[in-house]
Amino acid sequence: MHQRFLDLLRCPICHGTLELGDAVREDEEIVSGTLACAACGAAYPIREGIPYLLVEE
């Protein structure tokens, strides 16, 4: 996932801004890490460059 996509992603629960944490980068790609919502505190993993913004029902 490219850093520039962070501004486009929002929390699927509350639509808050997501902040990158614990990032592992290869060149310009974010390979793994965590996206955390600044508003509600929900956290979503990034694995193999793919952000998983899934909400459990």
PDB file of N, CA and C in Angstrom:
ATOM      1  N   MET A   1       0.849  -1.157   0.000  1.00  0.00           N
ATOM      2  CA  MET A   1       0.000   0.000   0.000  1.00  0.00           C
ATOM      3  C   MET A   1       0.903   1.231   0.000  1.00  0.00           C
ATOM      4  N   HIS A   2       0.614   2.181  -0.837  1.00  0.00           N
ATOM      5  CA  HIS A   2       1.379   3.426  -0.886  1.00  0.00           C
ATOM      6  C   HIS A   2       0.916   4.382   0.204  1.00  0.00           C
ATOM      7  N   GLN A   3       1.851   5.146   0.731  1.00  0.00           N
ATOM      8  CA  GLN A   3       1.575   6.140   1.771  1.00  0.00           C
ATOM      9  C   GLN A   3       0.472   7.110   1.336  1.00  0.00           C
ATOM     10  N   ARG A   4       0.425   7.463   0.060  1.00  0.00           N
ATOM     11  CA  ARG A   4      -0.542   8.457  -0.422  1.00  0.00           C
ATOM     12  C   ARG A   4      -1.993   7.996  -0.268  1.00  0.00           C
ATOM     13  N   PHE A   5      -2.225   6.695  -0.132  1.00  0.00           N
ATOM     14  CA  PHE A   5      -3.587   6.194   0.027  1.00  0.00           C
ATOM     15  C   PHE A   5      -4.136   6.402   1.436  1.00  0.00           C
ATOM     16  N   LEU A   6      -3.278   6.694   2.396  1.00  0.00           N
ATOM     17  CA  LEU A   6      -3.738   6.881   3.777  1.00  0.00           C
ATOM     18  C   LEU A   6      -4.771   7.996   3.893  1.00  0.00           C
ATOM     19  N   ASP A   7      -4.609   9.055   3.124  1.00  0.00           N
ATOM     20  CA  ASP A   7      -5.558  10.171   3.175  1.00  0.00           C
ATOM     21  C   ASP A   7      -6.935   9.787   2.647  1.00  0.00           C
ATOM     22  N   LEU A   8      -7.013   8.734   1.859  1.00  0.00           N
ATOM     23  CA  LEU A   8      -8.287   8.309   1.276  1.00  0.00           C
ATOM     24  C   LEU A   8      -9.052   7.333   2.161  1.00  0.00           C
ATOM     25  N   LEU A   9      -8.352   6.628   3.034  1.00  0.00           N
ATOM     26  CA  LEU A   9      -8.984   5.602   3.861  1.00  0.00           C
ATOM     27  C   LEU A   9      -9.637   6.205   5.094  1.00  0.00           C
ATOM     28  N   ARG A  10     -10.806   5.669   5.468  1.00  0.00           N
ATOM     29  CA  ARG A  10     -11.535   6.092   6.661  1.00  0.00           C
ATOM     30  C   ARG A  10     -11.974   4.867   7.441  1.00  0.00           C
ATOM     31  N   CYS A  11     -12.215   5.056   8.711  1.00  0.00           N
ATOM     32  CA  CYS A  11     -12.695   3.980   9.573  1.00  0.00           C
ATOM     33  C   CYS A  11     -14.076   3.529   9.096  1.00  0.00           C
ATOM     34  N   PRO A  12     -14.271   2.231   8.885  1.00  0.00           N
ATOM     35  CA  PRO A  12     -15.576   1.741   8.437  1.00  0.00           C
ATOM     36  C   PRO A  12     -16.651   1.826   9.521  1.00  0.00           C
ATOM     37  N   ILE A  13     -16.257   2.028  10.766  1.00  0.00           N
ATOM     38  CA  ILE A  13     -17.231   2.114  11.856  1.00  0.00           C
ATOM     39  C   ILE A  13     -17.765   3.533  12.014  1.00  0.00           C
ATOM     40  N   CYS A  14     -16.850   4.506  12.161  1.00  0.00           N
ATOM     41  CA  CYS A  14     -17.286   5.876  12.456  1.00  0.00           C
ATOM     42  C   CYS A  14     -16.865   6.889  11.395  1.00  0.00           C
ATOM     43  N   HIS A  15     -16.146   6.448  10.381  1.00  0.00           N
ATOM     44  CA  HIS A  15     -15.652   7.292   9.288  1.00  0.00           C
ATOM     45  C   HIS A  15     -14.589   8.286   9.735  1.00  0.00           C
ATOM     46  N   GLY A  16     -13.927   7.990  10.856  1.00  0.00           N
ATOM     47  CA  GLY A  16     -12.841   8.833  11.352  1.00  0.00           C
ATOM     48  C   GLY A  16     -11.560   8.629  10.564  1.00  0.00           C
ATOM     49  N   THR A  17     -10.597   9.477  10.833  1.00  0.00           N
ATOM     50  CA  THR A  17      -9.290   9.428  10.187  1.00  0.00           C
ATOM     51  C   THR A  17      -8.469   8.266  10.743  1.00  0.00           C
ATOM     52  N   LEU A  18      -7.772   7.566   9.855  1.00  0.00           N
ATOM     53  CA  LEU A  18      -6.916   6.452  10.262  1.00  0.00           C
ATOM     54  C   LEU A  18      -5.465   6.905  10.324  1.00  0.00           C
ATOM     55  N   GLU A  19      -4.776   6.487  11.392  1.00  0.00           N
ATOM     56  CA  GLU A  19      -3.371   6.827  11.582  1.00  0.00           C
ATOM     57  C   GLU A  19      -2.525   5.562  11.496  1.00  0.00           C
ATOM     58  N   LEU A  20      -1.390   5.677  10.848  1.00  0.00           N
ATOM     59  CA  LEU A  20      -0.491   4.543  10.646  1.00  0.00           C
ATOM     60  C   LEU A  20       0.393   4.332  11.863  1.00  0.00           C
ATOM     61  N   GLY A  21       0.506   3.072  12.280  1.00  0.00           N
ATOM     62  CA  GLY A  21       1.388   2.730  13.394  1.00  0.00           C
ATOM     63  C   GLY A  21       2.131   1.440  13.111  1.00  0.00           C
ATOM     64  N   ASP A  22       3.295   1.277  13.710  1.00  0.00           N
ATOM     65  CA  ASP A  22       4.100   0.053  13.586  1.00  0.00           C
ATOM     66  C   ASP A  22       4.317  -0.358  12.134  1.00  0.00           C
ATOM     67  N   ALA A  23       4.639   0.587  11.276  1.00  0.00           N
ATOM     68  CA  ALA A  23       4.751   0.306   9.846  1.00  0.00           C
ATOM     69  C   ALA A  23       6.095  -0.308   9.483  1.00  0.00           C
ATOM     70  N   VAL A  24       6.037  -1.305   8.606  1.00  0.00           N
ATOM     71  CA  VAL A  24       7.224  -1.873   7.971  1.00  0.00           C
ATOM     72  C   VAL A  24       7.135  -1.479   6.505  1.00  0.00           C
ATOM     73  N   ARG A  25       8.188  -0.842   6.014  1.00  0.00           N
ATOM     74  CA  ARG A  25       8.175  -0.334   4.638  1.00  0.00           C
ATOM     75  C   ARG A  25       9.255  -1.008   3.799  1.00  0.00           C
ATOM     76  N   GLU A  26       8.933  -1.170   2.532  1.00  0.00           N
ATOM     77  CA  GLU A  26       9.900  -1.601   1.523  1.00  0.00           C
ATOM     78  C   GLU A  26       9.802  -0.595   0.394  1.00  0.00           C
ATOM     79  N   ASP A  27      10.842   0.197   0.237  1.00  0.00           N
ATOM     80  CA  ASP A  27      10.843   1.314  -0.709  1.00  0.00           C
ATOM     81  C   ASP A  27       9.698   2.255  -0.347  1.00  0.00           C
ATOM     82  N   GLU A  28       8.756   2.493  -1.257  1.00  0.00           N
ATOM     83  CA  GLU A  28       7.638   3.405  -0.997  1.00  0.00           C
ATOM     84  C   GLU A  28       6.379   2.671  -0.541  1.00  0.00           C
ATOM     85  N   GLU A  29       6.463   1.371  -0.395  1.00  0.00           N
ATOM     86  CA  GLU A  29       5.307   0.561  -0.013  1.00  0.00           C
ATOM     87  C   GLU A  29       5.260   0.314   1.490  1.00  0.00           C
ATOM     88  N   ILE A  30       4.066   0.393   2.067  1.00  0.00           N
ATOM     89  CA  ILE A  30       3.844  -0.033   3.442  1.00  0.00           C
ATOM     90  C   ILE A  30       3.464  -1.504   3.362  1.00  0.00           C
ATOM     91  N   VAL A  31       4.315  -2.374   3.886  1.00  0.00           N
ATOM     92  CA  VAL A  31       4.130  -3.815   3.764  1.00  0.00           C
ATOM     93  C   VAL A  31       3.268  -4.360   4.897  1.00  0.00           C
ATOM     94  N   SER A  32       3.506  -3.860   6.104  1.00  0.00           N
ATOM     95  CA  SER A  32       2.707  -4.308   7.240  1.00  0.00           C
ATOM     96  C   SER A  32       2.651  -3.199   8.276  1.00  0.00           C
ATOM     97  N   GLY A  33       1.695  -3.344   9.180  1.00  0.00           N
ATOM     98  CA  GLY A  33       1.523  -2.352  10.233  1.00  0.00           C
ATOM     99  C   GLY A  33       0.096  -2.352  10.720  1.00  0.00           C
ATOM    100  N   THR A  34      -0.293  -1.232  11.301  1.00  0.00           N
ATOM    101  CA  THR A  34      -1.631  -1.091  11.852  1.00  0.00           C
ATOM    102  C   THR A  34      -2.190   0.269  11.477  1.00  0.00           C
ATOM    103  N   LEU A  35      -3.476   0.299  11.151  1.00  0.00           N
ATOM    104  CA  LEU A  35      -4.200   1.549  10.974  1.00  0.00           C
ATOM    105  C   LEU A  35      -5.138   1.684  12.162  1.00  0.00           C
ATOM    106  N   ALA A  36      -5.030   2.788  12.895  1.00  0.00           N
ATOM    107  CA  ALA A  36      -5.865   3.008  14.074  1.00  0.00           C
ATOM    108  C   ALA A  36      -6.720   4.249  13.862  1.00  0.00           C
ATOM    109  N   CYS A  37      -7.983   4.155  14.246  1.00  0.00           N
ATOM    110  CA  CYS A  37      -8.905   5.271  14.109  1.00  0.00           C
ATOM    111  C   CYS A  37      -8.647   6.282  15.223  1.00  0.00           C
ATOM    112  N   ALA A  38      -8.477   7.538  14.838  1.00  0.00           N
ATOM    113  CA  ALA A  38      -8.238   8.606  15.810  1.00  0.00           C
ATOM    114  C   ALA A  38      -9.496   8.910  16.618  1.00  0.00           C
ATOM    115  N   ALA A  39     -10.674   8.609  16.078  1.00  0.00           N
ATOM    116  CA  ALA A  39     -11.931   8.945  16.745  1.00  0.00           C
ATOM    117  C   ALA A  39     -12.422   7.846  17.691  1.00  0.00           C
ATOM    118  N   CYS A  40     -12.546   6.613  17.195  1.00  0.00           N
ATOM    119  CA  CYS A  40     -13.156   5.553  18.008  1.00  0.00           C
ATOM    120  C   CYS A  40     -12.146   4.545  18.552  1.00  0.00           C
ATOM    121  N   GLY A  41     -10.898   4.592  18.064  1.00  0.00           N
ATOM    122  CA  GLY A  41      -9.865   3.704  18.578  1.00  0.00           C
ATOM    123  C   GLY A  41      -9.809   2.325  17.941  1.00  0.00           C
ATOM    124  N   ALA A  42     -10.668   2.045  16.971  1.00  0.00           N
ATOM    125  CA  ALA A  42     -10.631   0.748  16.286  1.00  0.00           C
ATOM    126  C   ALA A  42      -9.295   0.604  15.555  1.00  0.00           C
ATOM    127  N   ALA A  43      -8.788  -0.622  15.478  1.00  0.00           N
ATOM    128  CA  ALA A  43      -7.504  -0.875  14.824  1.00  0.00           C
ATOM    129  C   ALA A  43      -7.667  -1.926  13.735  1.00  0.00           C
ATOM    130  N   TYR A  44      -6.945  -1.728  12.649  1.00  0.00           N
ATOM    131  CA  TYR A  44      -7.031  -2.609  11.489  1.00  0.00           C
ATOM    132  C   TYR A  44      -5.617  -2.955  11.027  1.00  0.00           C
ATOM    133  N   PRO A  45      -5.368  -4.224  10.724  1.00  0.00           N
ATOM    134  CA  PRO A  45      -4.022  -4.625  10.305  1.00  0.00           C
ATOM    135  C   PRO A  45      -3.758  -4.340   8.829  1.00  0.00           C
ATOM    136  N   ILE A  46      -2.480  -4.177   8.514  1.00  0.00           N
ATOM    137  CA  ILE A  46      -2.005  -4.150   7.132  1.00  0.00           C
ATOM    138  C   ILE A  46      -1.110  -5.369   6.998  1.00  0.00           C
ATOM    139  N   ARG A  47      -1.453  -6.264   6.077  1.00  0.00           N
ATOM    140  CA  ARG A  47      -0.671  -7.485   5.854  1.00  0.00           C
ATOM    141  C   ARG A  47      -0.343  -7.605   4.377  1.00  0.00           C
ATOM    142  N   GLU A  48       0.926  -7.824   4.091  1.00  0.00           N
ATOM    143  CA  GLU A  48       1.397  -7.974   2.709  1.00  0.00           C
ATOM    144  C   GLU A  48       0.934  -6.812   1.833  1.00  0.00           C
ATOM    145  N   GLY A  49       0.920  -5.608   2.415  1.00  0.00           N
ATOM    146  CA  GLY A  49       0.570  -4.408   1.671  1.00  0.00           C
ATOM    147  C   GLY A  49      -0.917  -4.142   1.523  1.00  0.00           C
ATOM    148  N   ILE A  50      -1.756  -4.966   2.152  1.00  0.00           N
ATOM    149  CA  ILE A  50      -3.211  -4.823   2.017  1.00  0.00           C
ATOM    150  C   ILE A  50      -3.819  -4.435   3.359  1.00  0.00           C
ATOM    151  N   PRO A  51      -4.538  -3.285   3.413  1.00  0.00           N
ATOM    152  CA  PRO A  51      -5.226  -2.924   4.652  1.00  0.00           C
ATOM    153  C   PRO A  51      -6.525  -3.722   4.769  1.00  0.00           C
ATOM    154  N   TYR A  52      -6.732  -4.354   5.915  1.00  0.00           N
ATOM    155  CA  TYR A  52      -7.942  -5.141   6.156  1.00  0.00           C
ATOM    156  C   TYR A  52      -8.875  -4.332   7.045  1.00  0.00           C
ATOM    157  N   LEU A  53      -9.838  -3.666   6.413  1.00  0.00           N
ATOM    158  CA  LEU A  53     -10.768  -2.786   7.117  1.00  0.00           C
ATOM    159  C   LEU A  53     -12.102  -3.494   7.335  1.00  0.00           C
ATOM    160  N   LEU A  54     -12.030  -4.695   7.869  1.00  0.00           N
ATOM    161  CA  LEU A  54     -13.226  -5.500   8.080  1.00  0.00           C
ATOM    162  C   LEU A  54     -13.797  -5.249   9.466  1.00  0.00           C
ATOM    163  N   VAL A  55     -15.142  -5.223   9.531  1.00  0.00           N
ATOM    164  CA  VAL A  55     -15.840  -5.032  10.797  1.00  0.00           C
ATOM    165  C   VAL A  55     -16.561  -6.327  11.130  1.00  0.00           C
ATOM    166  N   GLU A  56     -16.310  -6.845  12.329  1.00  0.00           N
ATOM    167  CA  GLU A  56     -17.014  -8.054  12.752  1.00  0.00           C
ATOM    168  C   GLU A  56     -18.414  -7.677  13.198  1.00  0.00           C
ATOM    169  N   GLU A  57     -19.375  -8.465  12.764  1.00  0.00           N
ATOM    170  CA  GLU A  57     -20.775  -8.178  13.118  1.00  0.00           C
ATOM    171  C   GLU A  57     -21.209  -8.954  14.318  1.00  0.00           C
TER     172      GLU A  57
END
